[in-house]
Amino acid sequence: MEAACPGTGRCTVWSAHRCIRVLTGRRALMGLGDKIGNAAEEAKGKIKETTGKATDNESLEAEGKGDQASANVKQAGEKATDAVKDVLD
């Protein structure tokens, strides 16, 4: 759904409550694929953790928690990068 961003009005695309800047001269849409991949990794980790709990498989449960932690660290890094980019804009 294309519309002006309700947050700043500067973005050209508003989707799923997030500002997404599209190609503007020298800057391209950055990290969208990574964000989707990290969200998928986190969801996969939650499934592993839940399955591990249901089957009393501590190894699978721990692996799921690890996947979630890894995805959360990556997401935090991306948020920091996005914040810096917003300040520079």
PDB file of N, CA and C in Angstrom:
ATOM      1  N   MET A   1       0.846  -1.171   0.000  1.00  0.00           N
ATOM      2  CA  MET A   1       0.000   0.000   0.000  1.00  0.00           C
ATOM      3  C   MET A   1       0.889   1.232   0.000  1.00  0.00           C
ATOM      4  N   GLU A   2       0.740   2.065  -1.011  1.00  0.00           N
ATOM      5  CA  GLU A   2       1.570   3.253  -1.101  1.00  0.00           C
ATOM      6  C   GLU A   2       0.819   4.470  -0.588  1.00  0.00           C
ATOM      7  N   ALA A   3       1.472   5.183   0.301  1.00  0.00           N
ATOM      8  CA  ALA A   3       0.940   6.427   0.851  1.00  0.00           C
ATOM      9  C   ALA A   3       2.071   7.134   1.566  1.00  0.00           C
ATOM     10  N   ALA A   4       1.885   8.394   1.852  1.00  0.00           N
ATOM     11  CA  ALA A   4       2.911   9.126   2.599  1.00  0.00           C
ATOM     12  C   ALA A   4       3.008   8.555   4.005  1.00  0.00           C
ATOM     13  N   CYS A   5       4.199   8.530   4.517  1.00  0.00           N
ATOM     14  CA  CYS A   5       4.443   8.011   5.862  1.00  0.00           C
ATOM     15  C   CYS A   5       3.765   8.901   6.891  1.00  0.00           C
ATOM     16  N   PRO A   6       2.928   8.326   7.761  1.00  0.00           N
ATOM     17  CA  PRO A   6       2.282   9.154   8.767  1.00  0.00           C
ATOM     18  C   PRO A   6       3.236   9.627   9.856  1.00  0.00           C
ATOM     19  N   GLY A   7       4.388   8.977   9.957  1.00  0.00           N
ATOM     20  CA  GLY A   7       5.342   9.369  10.986  1.00  0.00           C
ATOM     21  C   GLY A   7       6.067  10.653  10.659  1.00  0.00           C
ATOM     22  N   THR A   8       6.669  10.700   9.474  1.00  0.00           N
ATOM     23  CA  THR A   8       7.452  11.874   9.104  1.00  0.00           C
ATOM     24  C   THR A   8       6.941  12.558   7.854  1.00  0.00           C
ATOM     25  N   GLY A   9       6.194  11.824   7.020  1.00  0.00           N
ATOM     26  CA  GLY A   9       5.732  12.386   5.763  1.00  0.00           C
ATOM     27  C   GLY A   9       6.801  12.419   4.700  1.00  0.00           C
ATOM     28  N   ARG A  10       8.033  12.026   5.063  1.00  0.00           N
ATOM     29  CA  ARG A  10       9.142  12.075   4.119  1.00  0.00           C
ATOM     30  C   ARG A  10       9.305  10.793   3.320  1.00  0.00           C
ATOM     31  N   CYS A  11       8.855   9.681   3.843  1.00  0.00           N
ATOM     32  CA  CYS A  11       9.027   8.402   3.159  1.00  0.00           C
ATOM     33  C   CYS A  11       7.993   8.272   2.057  1.00  0.00           C
ATOM     34  N   THR A  12       8.305   7.471   1.072  1.00  0.00           N
ATOM     35  CA  THR A  12       7.393   7.308  -0.051  1.00  0.00           C
ATOM     36  C   THR A  12       6.537   6.062   0.082  1.00  0.00           C
ATOM     37  N   VAL A  13       6.889   5.156   0.962  1.00  0.00           N
ATOM     38  CA  VAL A  13       6.110   3.934   1.125  1.00  0.00           C
ATOM     39  C   VAL A  13       5.873   3.698   2.609  1.00  0.00           C
ATOM     40  N   TRP A  14       4.642   3.374   2.952  1.00  0.00           N
ATOM     41  CA  TRP A  14       4.299   3.040   4.334  1.00  0.00           C
ATOM     42  C   TRP A  14       3.751   1.632   4.318  1.00  0.00           C
ATOM     43  N   SER A  15       4.374   0.748   5.059  1.00  0.00           N
ATOM     44  CA  SER A  15       3.944  -0.647   5.030  1.00  0.00           C
ATOM     45  C   SER A  15       4.148  -1.265   6.399  1.00  0.00           C
ATOM     46  N   ALA A  16       3.138  -1.916   6.925  1.00  0.00           N
ATOM     47  CA  ALA A  16       3.221  -2.647   8.187  1.00  0.00           C
ATOM     48  C   ALA A  16       3.798  -1.788   9.311  1.00  0.00           C
ATOM     49  N   HIS A  17       3.363  -0.548   9.409  1.00  0.00           N
ATOM     50  CA  HIS A  17       3.748   0.356  10.487  1.00  0.00           C
ATOM     51  C   HIS A  17       5.245   0.652  10.521  1.00  0.00           C
ATOM     52  N   ARG A  18       5.908   0.593   9.407  1.00  0.00           N
ATOM     53  CA  ARG A  18       7.335   0.913   9.352  1.00  0.00           C
ATOM     54  C   ARG A  18       7.601   1.845   8.172  1.00  0.00           C
ATOM     55  N   CYS A  19       8.446   2.815   8.385  1.00  0.00           N
ATOM     56  CA  CYS A  19       8.872   3.665   7.279  1.00  0.00           C
ATOM     57  C   CYS A  19       9.891   2.885   6.468  1.00  0.00           C
ATOM     58  N   ILE A  20       9.707   2.863   5.181  1.00  0.00           N
ATOM     59  CA  ILE A  20      10.668   2.204   4.312  1.00  0.00           C
ATOM     60  C   ILE A  20      11.063   3.207   3.235  1.00  0.00           C
ATOM     61  N   ARG A  21      12.300   3.561   3.235  1.00  0.00           N
ATOM     62  CA  ARG A  21      12.777   4.494   2.221  1.00  0.00           C
ATOM     63  C   ARG A  21      13.128   3.705   0.960  1.00  0.00           C
ATOM     64  N   VAL A  22      12.625   4.160  -0.161  1.00  0.00           N
ATOM     65  CA  VAL A  22      12.927   3.510  -1.427  1.00  0.00           C
ATOM     66  C   VAL A  22      14.016   4.293  -2.138  1.00  0.00           C
ATOM     67  N   LEU A  23      14.427   3.781  -3.244  1.00  0.00           N
ATOM     68  CA  LEU A  23      15.541   4.358  -3.993  1.00  0.00           C
ATOM     69  C   LEU A  23      15.365   5.860  -4.173  1.00  0.00           C
ATOM     70  N   THR A  24      16.305   6.604  -3.611  1.00  0.00           N
ATOM     71  CA  THR A  24      16.287   8.059  -3.752  1.00  0.00           C
ATOM     72  C   THR A  24      17.685   8.505  -4.137  1.00  0.00           C
ATOM     73  N   GLY A  25      17.914   8.637  -5.395  1.00  0.00           N
ATOM     74  CA  GLY A  25      19.232   9.055  -5.851  1.00  0.00           C
ATOM     75  C   GLY A  25      20.287   8.012  -5.568  1.00  0.00           C
ATOM     76  N   ARG A  26      21.131   8.275  -4.579  1.00  0.00           N
ATOM     77  CA  ARG A  26      22.261   7.389  -4.295  1.00  0.00           C
ATOM     78  C   ARG A  26      21.954   6.316  -3.260  1.00  0.00           C
ATOM     79  N   ARG A  27      20.806   6.408  -2.563  1.00  0.00           N
ATOM     80  CA  ARG A  27      20.485   5.432  -1.513  1.00  0.00           C
ATOM     81  C   ARG A  27      19.397   4.480  -1.960  1.00  0.00           C
ATOM     82  N   ALA A  28      19.638   3.197  -1.778  1.00  0.00           N
ATOM     83  CA  ALA A  28      18.642   2.190  -2.127  1.00  0.00           C
ATOM     84  C   ALA A  28      18.007   1.655  -0.852  1.00  0.00           C
ATOM     85  N   LEU A  29      16.897   0.987  -1.019  1.00  0.00           N
ATOM     86  CA  LEU A  29      16.243   0.296   0.079  1.00  0.00           C
ATOM     87  C   LEU A  29      17.238  -0.692   0.658  1.00  0.00           C
ATOM     88  N   MET A  30      17.581  -0.540   1.924  1.00  0.00           N
ATOM     89  CA  MET A  30      18.629  -1.355   2.507  1.00  0.00           C
ATOM     90  C   MET A  30      18.080  -2.241   3.590  1.00  0.00           C
ATOM     91  N   GLY A  31      18.481  -3.490   3.550  1.00  0.00           N
ATOM     92  CA  GLY A  31      18.222  -4.381   4.653  1.00  0.00           C
ATOM     93  C   GLY A  31      16.832  -4.983   4.730  1.00  0.00           C
ATOM     94  N   LEU A  32      15.952  -4.727   3.766  1.00  0.00           N
ATOM     95  CA  LEU A  32      14.611  -5.288   3.850  1.00  0.00           C
ATOM     96  C   LEU A  32      14.675  -6.805   3.813  1.00  0.00           C
ATOM     97  N   GLY A  33      15.488  -7.343   2.923  1.00  0.00           N
ATOM     98  CA  GLY A  33      15.656  -8.798   2.852  1.00  0.00           C
ATOM     99  C   GLY A  33      16.215  -9.360   4.143  1.00  0.00           C
ATOM    100  N   ASP A  34      17.175  -8.646   4.734  1.00  0.00           N
ATOM    101  CA  ASP A  34      17.751  -9.077   6.010  1.00  0.00           C
ATOM    102  C   ASP A  34      16.708  -9.049   7.113  1.00  0.00           C
ATOM    103  N   LYS A  35      15.879  -8.012   7.123  1.00  0.00           N
ATOM    104  CA  LYS A  35      14.846  -7.898   8.153  1.00  0.00           C
ATOM    105  C   LYS A  35      13.848  -9.044   8.040  1.00  0.00           C
ATOM    106  N   ILE A  36      13.464  -9.359   6.831  1.00  0.00           N
ATOM    107  CA  ILE A  36      12.538 -10.474   6.619  1.00  0.00           C
ATOM    108  C   ILE A  36      13.188 -11.784   7.037  1.00  0.00           C
ATOM    109  N   GLY A  37      14.448 -11.960   6.658  1.00  0.00           N
ATOM    110  CA  GLY A  37      15.173 -13.172   7.029  1.00  0.00           C
ATOM    111  C   GLY A  37      15.323 -13.326   8.534  1.00  0.00           C
ATOM    112  N   ASN A  38      15.595 -12.231   9.209  1.00  0.00           N
ATOM    113  CA  ASN A  38      15.743 -12.277  10.669  1.00  0.00           C
ATOM    114  C   ASN A  38      14.418 -12.576  11.355  1.00  0.00           C
ATOM    115  N   ALA A  39      13.348 -12.021  10.834  1.00  0.00           N
ATOM    116  CA  ALA A  39      12.029 -12.316  11.400  1.00  0.00           C
ATOM    117  C   ALA A  39      11.696 -13.791  11.203  1.00  0.00           C
ATOM    118  N   ALA A  40      12.063 -14.334  10.047  1.00  0.00           N
ATOM    119  CA  ALA A  40      11.833 -15.760   9.782  1.00  0.00           C
ATOM    120  C   ALA A  40      12.680 -16.624  10.712  1.00  0.00           C
ATOM    121  N   GLU A  41      13.924 -16.203  10.935  1.00  0.00           N
ATOM    122  CA  GLU A  41      14.802 -16.948  11.840  1.00  0.00           C
ATOM    123  C   GLU A  41      14.243 -16.948  13.268  1.00  0.00           C
ATOM    124  N   GLU A  42      13.714 -15.806  13.683  1.00  0.00           N
ATOM    125  CA  GLU A  42      13.136 -15.716  15.021  1.00  0.00           C
ATOM    126  C   GLU A  42      11.905 -16.628  15.138  1.00  0.00           C
ATOM    127  N   ALA A  43      11.059 -16.617  14.101  1.00  0.00           N
ATOM    128  CA  ALA A  43       9.868 -17.467  14.110  1.00  0.00           C
ATOM    129  C   ALA A  43      10.258 -18.946  14.124  1.00  0.00           C
ATOM    130  N   LYS A  44      11.267 -19.291  13.349  1.00  0.00           N
ATOM    131  CA  LYS A  44      11.746 -20.674  13.325  1.00  0.00           C
ATOM    132  C   LYS A  44      12.264 -21.085  14.698  1.00  0.00           C
ATOM    133  N   GLY A  45      12.945 -20.162  15.360  1.00  0.00           N
ATOM    134  CA  GLY A  45      13.451 -20.435  16.701  1.00  0.00           C
ATOM    135  C   GLY A  45      12.332 -20.662  17.696  1.00  0.00           C
ATOM    136  N   LYS A  46      11.264 -19.881  17.572  1.00  0.00           N
ATOM    137  CA  LYS A  46      10.121 -20.050  18.469  1.00  0.00           C
ATOM    138  C   LYS A  46       9.466 -21.421  18.250  1.00  0.00           C
ATOM    139  N   ILE A  47       9.379 -21.823  16.995  1.00  0.00           N
ATOM    140  CA  ILE A  47       8.805 -23.138  16.690  1.00  0.00           C
ATOM    141  C   ILE A  47       9.675 -24.247  17.269  1.00  0.00           C
ATOM    142  N   LYS A  48      10.983 -24.128  17.101  1.00  0.00           N
ATOM    143  CA  LYS A  48      11.897 -25.133  17.663  1.00  0.00           C
ATOM    144  C   LYS A  48      11.776 -25.196  19.176  1.00  0.00           C
ATOM    145  N   GLU A  49      11.740 -24.031  19.810  1.00  0.00           N
ATOM    146  CA  GLU A  49      11.638 -23.990  21.267  1.00  0.00           C
ATOM    147  C   GLU A  49      10.341 -24.649  21.748  1.00  0.00           C
ATOM    148  N   THR A  50       9.239 -24.295  21.105  1.00  0.00           N
ATOM    149  CA  THR A  50       7.944 -24.862  21.477  1.00  0.00           C
ATOM    150  C   THR A  50       7.912 -26.373  21.249  1.00  0.00           C
ATOM    151  N   THR A  51       8.459 -26.814  20.128  1.00  0.00           N
ATOM    152  CA  THR A  51       8.513 -28.248  19.834  1.00  0.00           C
ATOM    153  C   THR A  51       9.386 -28.960  20.850  1.00  0.00           C
ATOM    154  N   GLY A  52      10.506 -28.358  21.196  1.00  0.00           N
ATOM    155  CA  GLY A  52      11.395 -28.938  22.195  1.00  0.00           C
ATOM    156  C   GLY A  52      10.724 -29.082  23.551  1.00  0.00           C
ATOM    157  N   LYS A  53       9.962 -28.067  23.938  1.00  0.00           N
ATOM    158  CA  LYS A  53       9.234 -28.136  25.206  1.00  0.00           C
ATOM    159  C   LYS A  53       8.173 -29.232  25.165  1.00  0.00           C
ATOM    160  N   ALA A  54       7.455 -29.317  24.050  1.00  0.00           N
ATOM    161  CA  ALA A  54       6.367 -30.288  23.930  1.00  0.00           C
ATOM    162  C   ALA A  54       6.877 -31.725  23.920  1.00  0.00           C
ATOM    163  N   THR A  55       8.082 -31.920  23.402  1.00  0.00           N
ATOM    164  CA  THR A  55       8.633 -33.281  23.289  1.00  0.00           C
ATOM    165  C   THR A  55       9.693 -33.571  24.345  1.00  0.00           C
ATOM    166  N   ASP A  56       9.866 -32.673  25.285  1.00  0.00           N
ATOM    167  CA  ASP A  56      10.905 -32.804  26.316  1.00  0.00           C
ATOM    168  C   ASP A  56      12.296 -32.977  25.713  1.00  0.00           C
ATOM    169  N   ASN A  57      12.533 -32.298  24.597  1.00  0.00           N
ATOM    170  CA  ASN A  57      13.825 -32.336  23.919  1.00  0.00           C
ATOM    171  C   ASN A  57      14.563 -31.043  24.279  1.00  0.00           C
ATOM    172  N   GLU A  58      15.404 -31.115  25.306  1.00  0.00           N
ATOM    173  CA  GLU A  58      16.102 -29.920  25.790  1.00  0.00           C
ATOM    174  C   GLU A  58      17.057 -29.351  24.754  1.00  0.00           C
ATOM    175  N   SER A  59      17.642 -30.214  23.944  1.00  0.00           N
ATOM    176  CA  SER A  59      18.569 -29.763  22.913  1.00  0.00           C
ATOM    177  C   SER A  59      17.845 -28.905  21.870  1.00  0.00           C
ATOM    178  N   LEU A  60      16.697 -29.379  21.412  1.00  0.00           N
ATOM    179  CA  LEU A  60      15.926 -28.632  20.421  1.00  0.00           C
ATOM    180  C   LEU A  60      15.408 -27.318  21.019  1.00  0.00           C
ATOM    181  N   GLU A  61      14.987 -27.359  22.261  1.00  0.00           N
ATOM    182  CA  GLU A  61      14.521 -26.157  22.941  1.00  0.00           C
ATOM    183  C   GLU A  61      15.644 -25.123  23.038  1.00  0.00           C
ATOM    184  N   ALA A  62      16.830 -25.575  23.409  1.00  0.00           N
ATOM    185  CA  ALA A  62      17.978 -24.668  23.515  1.00  0.00           C
ATOM    186  C   ALA A  62      18.375 -24.112  22.154  1.00  0.00           C
ATOM    187  N   GLU A  63      18.303 -24.952  21.133  1.00  0.00           N
ATOM    188  CA  GLU A  63      18.628 -24.501  19.781  1.00  0.00           C
ATOM    189  C   GLU A  63      17.644 -23.410  19.342  1.00  0.00           C
ATOM    190  N   GLY A  64      16.371 -23.597  19.667  1.00  0.00           N
ATOM    191  CA  GLY A  64      15.365 -22.595  19.331  1.00  0.00           C
ATOM    192  C   GLY A  64      15.620 -21.276  20.035  1.00  0.00           C
ATOM    193  N   LYS A  65      15.976 -21.345  21.305  1.00  0.00           N
ATOM    194  CA  LYS A  65      16.291 -20.122  22.044  1.00  0.00           C
ATOM    195  C   LYS A  65      17.511 -19.429  21.444  1.00  0.00           C
ATOM    196  N   GLY A  66      18.489 -20.226  21.020  1.00  0.00           N
ATOM    197  CA  GLY A  66      19.682 -19.658  20.392  1.00  0.00           C
ATOM    198  C   GLY A  66      19.357 -18.970  19.079  1.00  0.00           C
ATOM    199  N   ASP A  67      18.496 -19.601  18.271  1.00  0.00           N
ATOM    200  CA  ASP A  67      18.083 -18.989  17.010  1.00  0.00           C
ATOM    201  C   ASP A  67      17.388 -17.647  17.262  1.00  0.00           C
ATOM    202  N   GLN A  68      16.529 -17.619  18.268  1.00  0.00           N
ATOM    203  CA  GLN A  68      15.825 -16.374  18.596  1.00  0.00           C
ATOM    204  C   GLN A  68      16.792 -15.291  19.062  1.00  0.00           C
ATOM    205  N   ALA A  69      17.737 -15.675  19.892  1.00  0.00           N
ATOM    206  CA  ALA A  69      18.712 -14.706  20.400  1.00  0.00           C
ATOM    207  C   ALA A  69      19.546 -14.135  19.255  1.00  0.00           C
ATOM    208  N   SER A  70      19.958 -15.007  18.343  1.00  0.00           N
ATOM    209  CA  SER A  70      20.741 -14.571  17.195  1.00  0.00           C
ATOM    210  C   SER A  70      19.948 -13.582  16.343  1.00  0.00           C
ATOM    211  N   ALA A  71      18.701 -13.915  16.076  1.00  0.00           N
ATOM    212  CA  ALA A  71      17.856 -13.028  15.275  1.00  0.00           C
ATOM    213  C   ALA A  71      17.644 -11.692  15.979  1.00  0.00           C
ATOM    214  N   ASN A  72      17.461 -11.717  17.293  1.00  0.00           N
ATOM    215  CA  ASN A  72      17.247 -10.475  18.041  1.00  0.00           C
ATOM    216  C   ASN A  72      18.479  -9.583  18.011  1.00  0.00           C
ATOM    217  N   VAL A  73      19.657 -10.166  18.081  1.00  0.00           N
ATOM    218  CA  VAL A  73      20.894  -9.380  18.008  1.00  0.00           C
ATOM    219  C   VAL A  73      21.012  -8.726  16.634  1.00  0.00           C
ATOM    220  N   LYS A  74      20.715  -9.491  15.585  1.00  0.00           N
ATOM    221  CA  LYS A  74      20.777  -8.936  14.231  1.00  0.00           C
ATOM    222  C   LYS A  74      19.764  -7.811  14.060  1.00  0.00           C
ATOM    223  N   GLN A  75      18.560  -8.006  14.595  1.00  0.00           N
ATOM    224  CA  GLN A  75      17.532  -6.974  14.488  1.00  0.00           C
ATOM    225  C   GLN A  75      17.934  -5.708  15.232  1.00  0.00           C
ATOM    226  N   ALA A  76      18.565  -5.856  16.374  1.00  0.00           N
ATOM    227  CA  ALA A  76      19.022  -4.691  17.141  1.00  0.00           C
ATOM    228  C   ALA A  76      20.075  -3.920  16.343  1.00  0.00           C
ATOM    229  N   GLY A  77      20.965  -4.634  15.687  1.00  0.00           N
ATOM    230  CA  GLY A  77      21.976  -3.985  14.853  1.00  0.00           C
ATOM    231  C   GLY A  77      21.356  -3.222  13.696  1.00  0.00           C
ATOM    232  N   GLU A  78      20.352  -3.817  13.082  1.00  0.00           N
ATOM    233  CA  GLU A  78      19.676  -3.142  11.976  1.00  0.00           C
ATOM    234  C   GLU A  78      18.934  -1.898  12.452  1.00  0.00           C
ATOM    235  N   LYS A  79      18.318  -1.987  13.627  1.00  0.00           N
ATOM    236  CA  LYS A  79      17.612  -0.818  14.171  1.00  0.00           C
ATOM    237  C   LYS A  79      18.589   0.320  14.447  1.00  0.00           C
ATOM    238  N   ALA A  80      19.769  -0.026  14.960  1.00  0.00           N
ATOM    239  CA  ALA A  80      20.782   0.998  15.222  1.00  0.00           C
ATOM    240  C   ALA A  80      21.246   1.634  13.914  1.00  0.00           C
ATOM    241  N   THR A  81      21.449   0.814  12.907  1.00  0.00           N
ATOM    242  CA  THR A  81      21.858   1.319  11.594  1.00  0.00           C
ATOM    243  C   THR A  81      20.790   2.231  11.026  1.00  0.00           C
ATOM    244  N   ASP A  82      19.533   1.818  11.111  1.00  0.00           N
ATOM    245  CA  ASP A  82      18.433   2.638  10.617  1.00  0.00           C
ATOM    246  C   ASP A  82      18.356   3.977  11.359  1.00  0.00           C
ATOM    247  N   ALA A  83      18.584   3.942  12.665  1.00  0.00           N
ATOM    248  CA  ALA A  83      18.539   5.172  13.456  1.00  0.00           C
ATOM    249  C   ALA A  83      19.626   6.146  13.013  1.00  0.00           C
ATOM    250  N   VAL A  84      20.806   5.620  12.743  1.00  0.00           N
ATOM    251  CA  VAL A  84      21.911   6.470  12.279  1.00  0.00           C
ATOM    252  C   VAL A  84      21.564   7.058  10.916  1.00  0.00           C
ATOM    253  N   LYS A  85      21.013   6.243  10.033  1.00  0.00           N
ATOM    254  CA  LYS A  85      20.639   6.735   8.708  1.00  0.00           C
ATOM    255  C   LYS A  85      19.587   7.835   8.800  1.00  0.00           C
ATOM    256  N   ASP A  86      18.610   7.652   9.727  1.00  0.00           N
ATOM    257  CA  ASP A  86      17.581   8.675   9.895  1.00  0.00           C
ATOM    258  C   ASP A  86      18.162   9.987  10.394  1.00  0.00           C
ATOM    259  N   VAL A  87      19.151   9.916  11.273  1.00  0.00           N
ATOM    260  CA  VAL A  87      19.802  11.129  11.776  1.00  0.00           C
ATOM    261  C   VAL A  87      20.571  11.818  10.661  1.00  0.00           C
ATOM    262  N   LEU A  88      21.207  11.035   9.807  1.00  0.00           N
ATOM    263  CA  LEU A  88      21.990  11.609   8.721  1.00  0.00           C
ATOM    264  C   LEU A  88      21.122  12.204   7.627  1.00  0.00           C
ATOM    265  N   ASP A  89      19.885  11.733   7.527  1.00  0.00           N
ATOM    266  CA  ASP A  89      18.980  12.281   6.509  1.00  0.00           C
ATOM    267  C   ASP A  89      18.465  13.569   7.009  1.00  0.00           C
TER     268      ASP A  89
END
